[in-house]
């Protein structure tokens, strides 16, 4: 049995480098959005109103259901949460 060592969990789960990159970005965005929303200390209904989301969609967000959100959707939600989204690119090692 051969074991492989990965830089992070997304590299282990993804089939391609592109998919891993997408998962990394989405998970980072989701994590930061969740932190902000939880800091509001409001109900899910109120959080959903602030973010322009339905209650089920807000619930998915707060439960960290990454598969339910595209990168594009998370950027839009982050903007609704008044977060400044910035992308930094660097050459892979």
C-alpha atoms as a PDB file:
ATOM      1  CA  UNK A   1       0.000   0.000   0.000  1.00  0.00           C
ATOM      2  CA  UNK A   2       1.379   3.356  -1.036  1.00  0.00           C
ATOM      3  CA  UNK A   3       0.422   6.478   0.857  1.00  0.00           C
ATOM      4  CA  UNK A   4       0.483   9.957  -0.582  1.00  0.00           C
ATOM      5  CA  UNK A   5       1.167  13.166   1.273  1.00  0.00           C
ATOM      6  CA  UNK A   6      -0.808  16.244   0.262  1.00  0.00           C
ATOM      7  CA  UNK A   7      -0.238  19.885   1.045  1.00  0.00           C
ATOM      8  CA  UNK A   8      -3.833  20.267   2.256  1.00  0.00           C
ATOM      9  CA  UNK A   9      -7.123  18.417   2.408  1.00  0.00           C
ATOM     10  CA  UNK A  10      -8.462  19.988  -0.789  1.00  0.00           C
ATOM     11  CA  UNK A  11      -5.559  18.615  -2.807  1.00  0.00           C
ATOM     12  CA  UNK A  12      -6.369  15.171  -1.406  1.00  0.00           C
ATOM     13  CA  UNK A  13     -10.079  15.404  -2.188  1.00  0.00           C
ATOM     14  CA  UNK A  14      -9.941  16.998  -5.623  1.00  0.00           C
ATOM     15  CA  UNK A  15      -9.324  15.127  -8.850  1.00  0.00           C
ATOM     16  CA  UNK A  16      -7.530  18.042 -10.502  1.00  0.00           C
ATOM     17  CA  UNK A  17      -5.425  21.046  -9.506  1.00  0.00           C
ATOM     18  CA  UNK A  18      -8.177  23.303 -10.829  1.00  0.00           C
ATOM     19  CA  UNK A  19     -10.819  21.686  -8.664  1.00  0.00           C
ATOM     20  CA  UNK A  20      -8.535  21.918  -5.607  1.00  0.00           C
ATOM     21  CA  UNK A  21      -7.935  25.626  -6.258  1.00  0.00           C
ATOM     22  CA  UNK A  22     -11.684  26.230  -6.540  1.00  0.00           C
ATOM     23  CA  UNK A  23     -12.353  24.348  -3.295  1.00  0.00           C
ATOM     24  CA  UNK A  24      -9.655  26.298  -1.449  1.00  0.00           C
ATOM     25  CA  UNK A  25     -11.057  29.656  -2.526  1.00  0.00           C
ATOM     26  CA  UNK A  26     -14.652  28.680  -1.808  1.00  0.00           C
ATOM     27  CA  UNK A  27     -13.811  27.317   1.635  1.00  0.00           C
ATOM     28  CA  UNK A  28     -11.859  30.469   2.554  1.00  0.00           C
ATOM     29  CA  UNK A  29     -14.732  32.698   1.483  1.00  0.00           C
ATOM     30  CA  UNK A  30     -17.333  30.575   3.260  1.00  0.00           C
ATOM     31  CA  UNK A  31     -15.282  30.572   6.461  1.00  0.00           C
ATOM     32  CA  UNK A  32     -14.881  34.357   6.490  1.00  0.00           C
ATOM     33  CA  UNK A  33     -18.534  34.992   5.656  1.00  0.00           C
ATOM     34  CA  UNK A  34     -19.660  32.648   8.436  1.00  0.00           C
ATOM     35  CA  UNK A  35     -17.423  34.455  10.953  1.00  0.00           C
ATOM     36  CA  UNK A  36     -18.935  37.820  10.047  1.00  0.00           C
ATOM     37  CA  UNK A  37     -22.521  36.565  10.109  1.00  0.00           C
ATOM     38  CA  UNK A  38     -22.046  34.808  13.442  1.00  0.00           C
ATOM     39  CA  UNK A  39     -20.572  38.053  14.800  1.00  0.00           C
ATOM     40  CA  UNK A  40     -23.779  39.862  13.942  1.00  0.00           C
ATOM     41  CA  UNK A  41     -25.508  37.833  16.643  1.00  0.00           C
ATOM     42  CA  UNK A  42     -28.843  37.909  14.812  1.00  0.00           C
ATOM     43  CA  UNK A  43     -31.397  35.281  13.830  1.00  0.00           C
ATOM     44  CA  UNK A  44     -31.027  33.313  10.615  1.00  0.00           C
ATOM     45  CA  UNK A  45     -33.972  35.217   9.208  1.00  0.00           C
ATOM     46  CA  UNK A  46     -32.285  38.558   9.871  1.00  0.00           C
ATOM     47  CA  UNK A  47     -28.940  37.296   8.540  1.00  0.00           C
ATOM     48  CA  UNK A  48     -30.700  36.079   5.397  1.00  0.00           C
ATOM     49  CA  UNK A  49     -32.316  39.484   4.892  1.00  0.00           C
ATOM     50  CA  UNK A  50     -28.950  41.220   5.218  1.00  0.00           C
ATOM     51  CA  UNK A  51     -27.373  38.810   2.747  1.00  0.00           C
ATOM     52  CA  UNK A  52     -30.306  38.607   0.332  1.00  0.00           C
ATOM     53  CA  UNK A  53     -30.701  34.864   0.929  1.00  0.00           C
ATOM     54  CA  UNK A  54     -33.639  32.632   1.727  1.00  0.00           C
ATOM     55  CA  UNK A  55     -33.720  30.974   5.129  1.00  0.00           C
ATOM     56  CA  UNK A  56     -32.756  27.521   3.746  1.00  0.00           C
ATOM     57  CA  UNK A  57     -29.856  29.079   1.830  1.00  0.00           C
ATOM     58  CA  UNK A  58     -28.752  30.971   4.942  1.00  0.00           C
ATOM     59  CA  UNK A  59     -28.934  27.730   6.915  1.00  0.00           C
ATOM     60  CA  UNK A  60     -26.716  26.005   4.324  1.00  0.00           C
ATOM     61  CA  UNK A  61     -24.231  28.851   4.584  1.00  0.00           C
ATOM     62  CA  UNK A  62     -24.080  28.801   8.367  1.00  0.00           C
ATOM     63  CA  UNK A  63     -23.735  25.017   8.418  1.00  0.00           C
ATOM     64  CA  UNK A  64     -20.772  25.289   6.048  1.00  0.00           C
ATOM     65  CA  UNK A  65     -22.286  23.299   3.192  1.00  0.00           C
ATOM     66  CA  UNK A  66     -19.574  24.190   0.715  1.00  0.00           C
ATOM     67  CA  UNK A  67     -20.912  22.017  -2.110  1.00  0.00           C
ATOM     68  CA  UNK A  68     -24.056  24.151  -2.279  1.00  0.00           C
ATOM     69  CA  UNK A  69     -22.207  27.375  -3.159  1.00  0.00           C
ATOM     70  CA  UNK A  70     -20.296  28.363  -6.268  1.00  0.00           C
ATOM     71  CA  UNK A  71     -17.340  30.702  -6.089  1.00  0.00           C
ATOM     72  CA  UNK A  72     -19.419  33.347  -7.841  1.00  0.00           C
ATOM     73  CA  UNK A  73     -22.262  33.016  -5.326  1.00  0.00           C
ATOM     74  CA  UNK A  74     -19.865  33.303  -2.382  1.00  0.00           C
ATOM     75  CA  UNK A  75     -18.297  36.463  -3.805  1.00  0.00           C
ATOM     76  CA  UNK A  76     -21.767  37.993  -4.092  1.00  0.00           C
ATOM     77  CA  UNK A  77     -22.678  36.937  -0.550  1.00  0.00           C
ATOM     78  CA  UNK A  78     -19.398  38.348   0.783  1.00  0.00           C
ATOM     79  CA  UNK A  79     -20.170  41.677  -0.873  1.00  0.00           C
ATOM     80  CA  UNK A  80     -23.641  41.634   0.713  1.00  0.00           C
ATOM     81  CA  UNK A  81     -21.926  41.084   4.074  1.00  0.00           C
ATOM     82  CA  UNK A  82     -19.851  44.215   3.358  1.00  0.00           C
ATOM     83  CA  UNK A  83     -16.642  42.250   3.011  1.00  0.00           C
ATOM     84  CA  UNK A  84     -13.958  43.428   0.610  1.00  0.00           C
ATOM     85  CA  UNK A  85     -12.976  40.474  -1.569  1.00  0.00           C
ATOM     86  CA  UNK A  86      -9.487  40.494  -2.994  1.00  0.00           C
ATOM     87  CA  UNK A  87      -7.664  37.818  -4.937  1.00  0.00           C
ATOM     88  CA  UNK A  88      -3.916  37.400  -4.716  1.00  0.00           C
ATOM     89  CA  UNK A  89      -2.174  35.198  -7.225  1.00  0.00           C
ATOM     90  CA  UNK A  90       1.329  33.815  -6.931  1.00  0.00           C
ATOM     91  CA  UNK A  91       3.276  31.296  -8.893  1.00  0.00           C
ATOM     92  CA  UNK A  92       3.014  27.769  -7.546  1.00  0.00           C
ATOM     93  CA  UNK A  93       6.139  26.327  -6.007  1.00  0.00           C
END
